[in-house]
Amino acid sequence: MAKDLLRVEIRYCAECGYGHEALAVAKLLMERFDAYLAEIRIVPWHDGAFDVIIDGAVAHSMYRDGGFPSPGKVVEAVREHLGPSA
């Protein structure tokens, strides 16, 4: 198991109805990495945002990257943060 458990924040535009996508990302992370996670925060946001932040680093930003993150991109970002322990 990793020494330091990861903290993930998912910010989604509540006005835009992106809650379903936020829950899907959270579910994916729980299914794949539950033993390596300290928390998953799901934060209602605004302005069309959908961001996935892992230990303070932005892994995906709708503004920067466009659209929603692919499941593979989220999984890879978490693996990068965990290193060879996962």
PDB file of N, CA and C in Angstrom:
ATOM      1  N   MET A   1       0.845  -1.180   0.000  1.00  0.00           N
ATOM      2  CA  MET A   1       0.000   0.000   0.000  1.00  0.00           C
ATOM      3  C   MET A   1       0.889   1.240   0.000  1.00  0.00           C
ATOM      4  N   ALA A   2       0.413   2.310  -0.612  1.00  0.00           N
ATOM      5  CA  ALA A   2       1.155   3.550  -0.683  1.00  0.00           C
ATOM      6  C   ALA A   2       1.324   4.138   0.715  1.00  0.00           C
ATOM      7  N   LYS A   3       2.463   4.812   0.932  1.00  0.00           N
ATOM      8  CA  LYS A   3       2.701   5.453   2.216  1.00  0.00           C
ATOM      9  C   LYS A   3       1.698   6.567   2.444  1.00  0.00           C
ATOM     10  N   ASP A   4       1.537   7.427   1.461  1.00  0.00           N
ATOM     11  CA  ASP A   4       0.628   8.556   1.567  1.00  0.00           C
ATOM     12  C   ASP A   4      -0.588   8.303   0.688  1.00  0.00           C
ATOM     13  N   LEU A   5      -1.745   8.368   1.297  1.00  0.00           N
ATOM     14  CA  LEU A   5      -2.977   8.175   0.542  1.00  0.00           C
ATOM     15  C   LEU A   5      -3.306   9.448  -0.232  1.00  0.00           C
ATOM     16  N   LEU A   6      -3.885   9.270  -1.411  1.00  0.00           N
ATOM     17  CA  LEU A   6      -4.196  10.395  -2.293  1.00  0.00           C
ATOM     18  C   LEU A   6      -5.496  11.084  -1.903  1.00  0.00           C
ATOM     19  N   ARG A   7      -5.509  12.369  -2.174  1.00  0.00           N
ATOM     20  CA  ARG A   7      -6.724  13.172  -2.023  1.00  0.00           C
ATOM     21  C   ARG A   7      -7.115  13.651  -3.423  1.00  0.00           C
ATOM     22  N   VAL A   8      -8.334  13.353  -3.794  1.00  0.00           N
ATOM     23  CA  VAL A   8      -8.831  13.719  -5.119  1.00  0.00           C
ATOM     24  C   VAL A   8     -10.011  14.663  -4.953  1.00  0.00           C
ATOM     25  N   GLU A   9     -10.015  15.721  -5.745  1.00  0.00           N
ATOM     26  CA  GLU A   9     -11.138  16.650  -5.762  1.00  0.00           C
ATOM     27  C   GLU A   9     -11.690  16.699  -7.181  1.00  0.00           C
ATOM     28  N   ILE A  10     -12.992  16.598  -7.291  1.00  0.00           N
ATOM     29  CA  ILE A  10     -13.676  16.703  -8.576  1.00  0.00           C
ATOM     30  C   ILE A  10     -14.587  17.919  -8.487  1.00  0.00           C
ATOM     31  N   ARG A  11     -14.274  18.950  -9.257  1.00  0.00           N
ATOM     32  CA  ARG A  11     -15.105  20.152  -9.307  1.00  0.00           C
ATOM     33  C   ARG A  11     -15.935  20.088 -10.583  1.00  0.00           C
ATOM     34  N   TYR A  12     -17.235  20.245 -10.415  1.00  0.00           N
ATOM     35  CA  TYR A  12     -18.112  20.146 -11.583  1.00  0.00           C
ATOM     36  C   TYR A  12     -19.102  21.288 -11.596  1.00  0.00           C
ATOM     37  N   CYS A  13     -19.510  21.690 -12.760  1.00  0.00           N
ATOM     38  CA  CYS A  13     -20.504  22.752 -12.904  1.00  0.00           C
ATOM     39  C   CYS A  13     -21.884  22.189 -12.568  1.00  0.00           C
ATOM     40  N   ALA A  14     -22.408  22.604 -11.428  1.00  0.00           N
ATOM     41  CA  ALA A  14     -23.738  22.151 -11.010  1.00  0.00           C
ATOM     42  C   ALA A  14     -24.810  22.732 -11.923  1.00  0.00           C
ATOM     43  N   GLU A  15     -24.635  23.987 -12.326  1.00  0.00           N
ATOM     44  CA  GLU A  15     -25.598  24.644 -13.210  1.00  0.00           C
ATOM     45  C   GLU A  15     -25.717  23.932 -14.551  1.00  0.00           C
ATOM     46  N   CYS A  16     -24.615  23.313 -14.981  1.00  0.00           N
ATOM     47  CA  CYS A  16     -24.566  22.637 -16.280  1.00  0.00           C
ATOM     48  C   CYS A  16     -25.079  21.205 -16.217  1.00  0.00           C
ATOM     49  N   GLY A  17     -25.289  20.706 -15.010  1.00  0.00           N
ATOM     50  CA  GLY A  17     -25.759  19.329 -14.873  1.00  0.00           C
ATOM     51  C   GLY A  17     -24.666  18.286 -15.013  1.00  0.00           C
ATOM     52  N   TYR A  18     -23.424  18.626 -14.621  1.00  0.00           N
ATOM     53  CA  TYR A  18     -22.306  17.700 -14.764  1.00  0.00           C
ATOM     54  C   TYR A  18     -22.149  16.754 -13.571  1.00  0.00           C
ATOM     55  N   GLY A  19     -23.133  16.723 -12.694  1.00  0.00           N
ATOM     56  CA  GLY A  19     -23.063  15.865 -11.520  1.00  0.00           C
ATOM     57  C   GLY A  19     -22.904  14.392 -11.857  1.00  0.00           C
ATOM     58  N   HIS A  20     -23.591  13.943 -12.891  1.00  0.00           N
ATOM     59  CA  HIS A  20     -23.499  12.534 -13.289  1.00  0.00           C
ATOM     60  C   HIS A  20     -22.063  12.163 -13.663  1.00  0.00           C
ATOM     61  N   GLU A  21     -21.396  13.031 -14.404  1.00  0.00           N
ATOM     62  CA  GLU A  21     -20.016  12.780 -14.806  1.00  0.00           C
ATOM     63  C   GLU A  21     -19.082  12.775 -13.594  1.00  0.00           C
ATOM     64  N   ALA A  22     -19.329  13.682 -12.645  1.00  0.00           N
ATOM     65  CA  ALA A  22     -18.511  13.725 -11.428  1.00  0.00           C
ATOM     66  C   ALA A  22     -18.663  12.429 -10.636  1.00  0.00           C
ATOM     67  N   LEU A  23     -19.877  11.948 -10.513  1.00  0.00           N
ATOM     68  CA  LEU A  23     -20.105  10.688  -9.800  1.00  0.00           C
ATOM     69  C   LEU A  23     -19.471   9.505 -10.528  1.00  0.00           C
ATOM     70  N   ALA A  24     -19.474   9.531 -11.854  1.00  0.00           N
ATOM     71  CA  ALA A  24     -18.865   8.445 -12.625  1.00  0.00           C
ATOM     72  C   ALA A  24     -17.353   8.395 -12.390  1.00  0.00           C
ATOM     73  N   VAL A  25     -16.701   9.563 -12.336  1.00  0.00           N
ATOM     74  CA  VAL A  25     -15.262   9.600 -12.071  1.00  0.00           C
ATOM     75  C   VAL A  25     -14.994   9.104 -10.654  1.00  0.00           C
ATOM     76  N   ALA A  26     -15.787   9.553  -9.690  1.00  0.00           N
ATOM     77  CA  ALA A  26     -15.612   9.113  -8.308  1.00  0.00           C
ATOM     78  C   ALA A  26     -15.791   7.598  -8.189  1.00  0.00           C
ATOM     79  N   LYS A  27     -16.775   7.061  -8.855  1.00  0.00           N
ATOM     80  CA  LYS A  27     -17.025   5.619  -8.824  1.00  0.00           C
ATOM     81  C   LYS A  27     -15.845   4.844  -9.414  1.00  0.00           C
ATOM     82  N   LEU A  28     -15.339   5.322 -10.536  1.00  0.00           N
ATOM     83  CA  LEU A  28     -14.177   4.684 -11.169  1.00  0.00           C
ATOM     84  C   LEU A  28     -12.992   4.653 -10.207  1.00  0.00           C
ATOM     85  N   LEU A  29     -12.722   5.776  -9.562  1.00  0.00           N
ATOM     86  CA  LEU A  29     -11.596   5.843  -8.639  1.00  0.00           C
ATOM     87  C   LEU A  29     -11.799   4.921  -7.438  1.00  0.00           C
ATOM     88  N   MET A  30     -13.000   4.870  -6.928  1.00  0.00           N
ATOM     89  CA  MET A  30     -13.286   3.983  -5.794  1.00  0.00           C
ATOM     90  C   MET A  30     -13.114   2.521  -6.178  1.00  0.00           C
ATOM     91  N   GLU A  31     -13.546   2.164  -7.369  1.00  0.00           N
ATOM     92  CA  GLU A  31     -13.437   0.769  -7.821  1.00  0.00           C
ATOM     93  C   GLU A  31     -11.989   0.354  -8.056  1.00  0.00           C
ATOM     94  N   ARG A  32     -11.172   1.259  -8.544  1.00  0.00           N
ATOM     95  CA  ARG A  32      -9.799   0.898  -8.925  1.00  0.00           C
ATOM     96  C   ARG A  32      -8.755   1.172  -7.847  1.00  0.00           C
ATOM     97  N   PHE A  33      -8.999   2.204  -7.019  1.00  0.00           N
ATOM     98  CA  PHE A  33      -7.936   2.676  -6.125  1.00  0.00           C
ATOM     99  C   PHE A  33      -8.379   2.884  -4.676  1.00  0.00           C
ATOM    100  N   ASP A  34      -9.449   2.266  -4.249  1.00  0.00           N
ATOM    101  CA  ASP A  34     -10.001   2.576  -2.928  1.00  0.00           C
ATOM    102  C   ASP A  34      -8.988   2.457  -1.797  1.00  0.00           C
ATOM    103  N   ALA A  35      -8.081   1.511  -1.840  1.00  0.00           N
ATOM    104  CA  ALA A  35      -7.092   1.323  -0.774  1.00  0.00           C
ATOM    105  C   ALA A  35      -6.014   2.413  -0.785  1.00  0.00           C
ATOM    106  N   TYR A  36      -5.941   3.200  -1.847  1.00  0.00           N
ATOM    107  CA  TYR A  36      -4.911   4.222  -1.985  1.00  0.00           C
ATOM    108  C   TYR A  36      -5.468   5.642  -1.824  1.00  0.00           C
ATOM    109  N   LEU A  37      -6.740   5.767  -1.497  1.00  0.00           N
ATOM    110  CA  LEU A  37      -7.386   7.075  -1.434  1.00  0.00           C
ATOM    111  C   LEU A  37      -7.704   7.479   0.004  1.00  0.00           C
ATOM    112  N   ALA A  38      -7.321   8.694   0.367  1.00  0.00           N
ATOM    113  CA  ALA A  38      -7.699   9.254   1.660  1.00  0.00           C
ATOM    114  C   ALA A  38      -9.094   9.862   1.557  1.00  0.00           C
ATOM    115  N   GLU A  39      -9.378  10.483   0.414  1.00  0.00           N
ATOM    116  CA  GLU A  39     -10.694  11.082   0.224  1.00  0.00           C
ATOM    117  C   GLU A  39     -10.929  11.396  -1.249  1.00  0.00           C
ATOM    118  N   ILE A  40     -12.198  11.451  -1.579  1.00  0.00           N
ATOM    119  CA  ILE A  40     -12.655  11.978  -2.866  1.00  0.00           C
ATOM    120  C   ILE A  40     -13.658  13.065  -2.521  1.00  0.00           C
ATOM    121  N   ARG A  41     -13.351  14.279  -2.889  1.00  0.00           N
ATOM    122  CA  ARG A  41     -14.268  15.400  -2.653  1.00  0.00           C
ATOM    123  C   ARG A  41     -14.960  15.725  -3.964  1.00  0.00           C
ATOM    124  N   ILE A  42     -16.264  15.820  -3.917  1.00  0.00           N
ATOM    125  CA  ILE A  42     -17.048  16.210  -5.085  1.00  0.00           C
ATOM    126  C   ILE A  42     -17.624  17.587  -4.768  1.00  0.00           C
ATOM    127  N   VAL A  43     -17.169  18.590  -5.525  1.00  0.00           N
ATOM    128  CA  VAL A  43     -17.470  19.973  -5.211  1.00  0.00           C
ATOM    129  C   VAL A  43     -18.323  20.601  -6.313  1.00  0.00           C
ATOM    130  N   PRO A  44     -19.562  20.975  -5.996  1.00  0.00           N
ATOM    131  CA  PRO A  44     -20.364  21.704  -6.979  1.00  0.00           C
ATOM    132  C   PRO A  44     -19.700  23.046  -7.280  1.00  0.00           C
ATOM    133  N   TRP A  45     -19.543  23.348  -8.547  1.00  0.00           N
ATOM    134  CA  TRP A  45     -18.843  24.555  -8.977  1.00  0.00           C
ATOM    135  C   TRP A  45     -19.730  25.320  -9.936  1.00  0.00           C
ATOM    136  N   HIS A  46     -19.176  26.108 -10.798  1.00  0.00           N
ATOM    137  CA  HIS A  46     -19.938  26.961 -11.710  1.00  0.00           C
ATOM    138  C   HIS A  46     -19.127  27.220 -12.975  1.00  0.00           C
ATOM    139  N   ASP A  47     -19.638  28.031 -13.839  1.00  0.00           N
ATOM    140  CA  ASP A  47     -18.934  28.504 -15.048  1.00  0.00           C
ATOM    141  C   ASP A  47     -18.494  27.391 -15.995  1.00  0.00           C
ATOM    142  N   GLY A  48     -19.212  26.298 -16.061  1.00  0.00           N
ATOM    143  CA  GLY A  48     -18.885  25.250 -17.018  1.00  0.00           C
ATOM    144  C   GLY A  48     -17.681  24.410 -16.655  1.00  0.00           C
ATOM    145  N   ALA A  49     -17.269  24.450 -15.409  1.00  0.00           N
ATOM    146  CA  ALA A  49     -16.051  23.758 -14.997  1.00  0.00           C
ATOM    147  C   ALA A  49     -16.251  22.256 -14.838  1.00  0.00           C
ATOM    148  N   PHE A  50     -15.197  21.519 -15.106  1.00  0.00           N
ATOM    149  CA  PHE A  50     -15.088  20.108 -14.719  1.00  0.00           C
ATOM    150  C   PHE A  50     -13.601  19.827 -14.579  1.00  0.00           C
ATOM    151  N   ASP A  51     -13.159  19.760 -13.326  1.00  0.00           N
ATOM    152  CA  ASP A  51     -11.740  19.588 -13.037  1.00  0.00           C
ATOM    153  C   ASP A  51     -11.538  18.380 -12.145  1.00  0.00           C
ATOM    154  N   VAL A  52     -10.457  17.661 -12.391  1.00  0.00           N
ATOM    155  CA  VAL A  52     -10.037  16.561 -11.528  1.00  0.00           C
ATOM    156  C   VAL A  52      -8.672  16.951 -10.986  1.00  0.00           C
ATOM    157  N   ILE A  53      -8.580  17.055  -9.658  1.00  0.00           N
ATOM    158  CA  ILE A  53      -7.370  17.521  -8.999  1.00  0.00           C
ATOM    159  C   ILE A  53      -6.885  16.411  -8.070  1.00  0.00           C
ATOM    160  N   ILE A  54      -5.638  16.005  -8.239  1.00  0.00           N
ATOM    161  CA  ILE A  54      -5.064  14.916  -7.449  1.00  0.00           C
ATOM    162  C   ILE A  54      -3.926  15.486  -6.616  1.00  0.00           C
ATOM    163  N   ASP A  55      -4.107  15.430  -5.311  1.00  0.00           N
ATOM    164  CA  ASP A  55      -3.096  15.981  -4.392  1.00  0.00           C
ATOM    165  C   ASP A  55      -2.657  17.383  -4.792  1.00  0.00           C
ATOM    166  N   GLY A  56      -3.605  18.224  -5.161  1.00  0.00           N
ATOM    167  CA  GLY A  56      -3.334  19.614  -5.494  1.00  0.00           C
ATOM    168  C   GLY A  56      -2.906  19.875  -6.924  1.00  0.00           C
ATOM    169  N   ALA A  57      -2.652  18.829  -7.701  1.00  0.00           N
ATOM    170  CA  ALA A  57      -2.237  18.996  -9.097  1.00  0.00           C
ATOM    171  C   ALA A  57      -3.427  18.744 -10.022  1.00  0.00           C
ATOM    172  N   VAL A  58      -3.633  19.635 -10.953  1.00  0.00           N
ATOM    173  CA  VAL A  58      -4.753  19.495 -11.882  1.00  0.00           C
ATOM    174  C   VAL A  58      -4.427  18.409 -12.904  1.00  0.00           C
ATOM    175  N   ALA A  59      -5.163  17.312 -12.840  1.00  0.00           N
ATOM    176  CA  ALA A  59      -4.975  16.210 -13.782  1.00  0.00           C
ATOM    177  C   ALA A  59      -5.796  16.433 -15.054  1.00  0.00           C
ATOM    178  N   HIS A  60      -6.946  17.101 -14.888  1.00  0.00           N
ATOM    179  CA  HIS A  60      -7.790  17.425 -16.040  1.00  0.00           C
ATOM    180  C   HIS A  60      -8.552  18.705 -15.735  1.00  0.00           C
ATOM    181  N   SER A  61      -8.614  19.569 -16.718  1.00  0.00           N
ATOM    182  CA  SER A  61      -9.402  20.789 -16.624  1.00  0.00           C
ATOM    183  C   SER A  61     -10.195  20.938 -17.911  1.00  0.00           C
ATOM    184  N   MET A  62     -11.491  21.111 -17.775  1.00  0.00           N
ATOM    185  CA  MET A  62     -12.320  21.284 -18.960  1.00  0.00           C
ATOM    186  C   MET A  62     -11.878  22.523 -19.739  1.00  0.00           C
ATOM    187  N   TYR A  63     -11.479  23.582 -19.026  1.00  0.00           N
ATOM    188  CA  TYR A  63     -11.018  24.800 -19.691  1.00  0.00           C
ATOM    189  C   TYR A  63      -9.721  24.557 -20.450  1.00  0.00           C
ATOM    190  N   ARG A  64      -8.792  23.878 -19.833  1.00  0.00           N
ATOM    191  CA  ARG A  64      -7.473  23.651 -20.427  1.00  0.00           C
ATOM    192  C   ARG A  64      -7.492  22.544 -21.480  1.00  0.00           C
ATOM    193  N   ASP A  65      -8.160  21.412 -21.140  1.00  0.00           N
ATOM    194  CA  ASP A  65      -8.089  20.212 -21.971  1.00  0.00           C
ATOM    195  C   ASP A  65      -9.311  20.004 -22.853  1.00  0.00           C
ATOM    196  N   GLY A  66     -10.403  20.686 -22.536  1.00  0.00           N
ATOM    197  CA  GLY A  66     -11.635  20.523 -23.293  1.00  0.00           C
ATOM    198  C   GLY A  66     -12.358  19.245 -22.933  1.00  0.00           C
ATOM    199  N   GLY A  67     -13.650  19.323 -22.797  1.00  0.00           N
ATOM    200  CA  GLY A  67     -14.483  18.149 -22.552  1.00  0.00           C
ATOM    201  C   GLY A  67     -14.234  17.488 -21.209  1.00  0.00           C
ATOM    202  N   PHE A  68     -14.791  16.312 -21.085  1.00  0.00           N
ATOM    203  CA  PHE A  68     -14.631  15.514 -19.875  1.00  0.00           C
ATOM    204  C   PHE A  68     -13.421  14.600 -20.046  1.00  0.00           C
ATOM    205  N   PRO A  69     -12.793  14.220 -18.941  1.00  0.00           N
ATOM    206  CA  PRO A  69     -11.637  13.337 -19.053  1.00  0.00           C
ATOM    207  C   PRO A  69     -12.066  11.922 -19.420  1.00  0.00           C
ATOM    208  N   SER A  70     -11.252  11.241 -20.183  1.00  0.00           N
ATOM    209  CA  SER A  70     -11.528   9.832 -20.465  1.00  0.00           C
ATOM    210  C   SER A  70     -11.195   9.033 -19.210  1.00  0.00           C
ATOM    211  N   PRO A  71     -11.871   7.905 -19.018  1.00  0.00           N
ATOM    212  CA  PRO A  71     -11.536   7.072 -17.857  1.00  0.00           C
ATOM    213  C   PRO A  71     -10.054   6.701 -17.823  1.00  0.00           C
ATOM    214  N   GLY A  72      -9.480   6.402 -18.982  1.00  0.00           N
ATOM    215  CA  GLY A  72      -8.072   6.037 -19.043  1.00  0.00           C
ATOM    216  C   GLY A  72      -7.157   7.158 -18.575  1.00  0.00           C
ATOM    217  N   LYS A  73      -7.507   8.398 -18.903  1.00  0.00           N
ATOM    218  CA  LYS A  73      -6.689   9.540 -18.485  1.00  0.00           C
ATOM    219  C   LYS A  73      -6.716   9.691 -16.974  1.00  0.00           C
ATOM    220  N   VAL A  74      -7.869   9.507 -16.365  1.00  0.00           N
ATOM    221  CA  VAL A  74      -7.987   9.635 -14.915  1.00  0.00           C
ATOM    222  C   VAL A  74      -7.196   8.523 -14.227  1.00  0.00           C
ATOM    223  N   VAL A  75      -7.336   7.304 -14.699  1.00  0.00           N
ATOM    224  CA  VAL A  75      -6.623   6.164 -14.122  1.00  0.00           C
ATOM    225  C   VAL A  75      -5.118   6.383 -14.235  1.00  0.00           C
ATOM    226  N   GLU A  76      -4.647   6.821 -15.390  1.00  0.00           N
ATOM    227  CA  GLU A  76      -3.220   7.050 -15.595  1.00  0.00           C
ATOM    228  C   GLU A  76      -2.701   8.152 -14.681  1.00  0.00           C
ATOM    229  N   ALA A  77      -3.472   9.219 -14.503  1.00  0.00           N
ATOM    230  CA  ALA A  77      -3.053  10.315 -13.626  1.00  0.00           C
ATOM    231  C   ALA A  77      -2.902   9.835 -12.185  1.00  0.00           C
ATOM    232  N   VAL A  78      -3.828   9.014 -11.726  1.00  0.00           N
ATOM    233  CA  VAL A  78      -3.732   8.479 -10.364  1.00  0.00           C
ATOM    234  C   VAL A  78      -2.522   7.559 -10.251  1.00  0.00           C
ATOM    235  N   ARG A  79      -2.307   6.714 -11.225  1.00  0.00           N
ATOM    236  CA  ARG A  79      -1.135   5.817 -11.199  1.00  0.00           C
ATOM    237  C   ARG A  79       0.174   6.602 -11.156  1.00  0.00           C
ATOM    238  N   GLU A  80       0.243   7.693 -11.896  1.00  0.00           N
ATOM    239  CA  GLU A  80       1.444   8.531 -11.881  1.00  0.00           C
ATOM    240  C   GLU A  80       1.711   9.084 -10.476  1.00  0.00           C
ATOM    241  N   HIS A  81       0.651   9.491  -9.801  1.00  0.00           N
ATOM    242  CA  HIS A  81       0.801  10.034  -8.444  1.00  0.00           C
ATOM    243  C   HIS A  81       1.170   8.944  -7.444  1.00  0.00           C
ATOM    244  N   LEU A  82       0.695   7.744  -7.668  1.00  0.00           N
ATOM    245  CA  LEU A  82       0.984   6.656  -6.737  1.00  0.00           C
ATOM    246  C   LEU A  82       2.376   6.063  -6.946  1.00  0.00           C
ATOM    247  N   GLY A  83       2.854   6.141  -8.160  1.00  0.00           N
ATOM    248  CA  GLY A  83       4.149   5.549  -8.469  1.00  0.00           C
ATOM    249  C   GLY A  83       4.043   4.047  -8.596  1.00  0.00           C
ATOM    250  N   PRO A  84       5.141   3.348  -8.469  1.00  0.00           N
ATOM    251  CA  PRO A  84       5.153   1.899  -8.708  1.00  0.00           C
ATOM    252  C   PRO A  84       4.415   1.079  -7.658  1.00  0.00           C
ATOM    253  N   SER A  85       3.933   1.713  -6.592  1.00  0.00           N
ATOM    254  CA  SER A  85       3.268   0.965  -5.526  1.00  0.00           C
ATOM    255  C   SER A  85       1.869   0.482  -5.897  1.00  0.00           C
ATOM    256  N   ALA A  86       1.269   1.079  -6.947  1.00  0.00           N
ATOM    257  CA  ALA A  86      -0.116   0.714  -7.273  1.00  0.00           C
ATOM    258  C   ALA A  86      -0.193  -0.357  -8.331  1.00  0.00           C
TER     259      ALA A  86
END
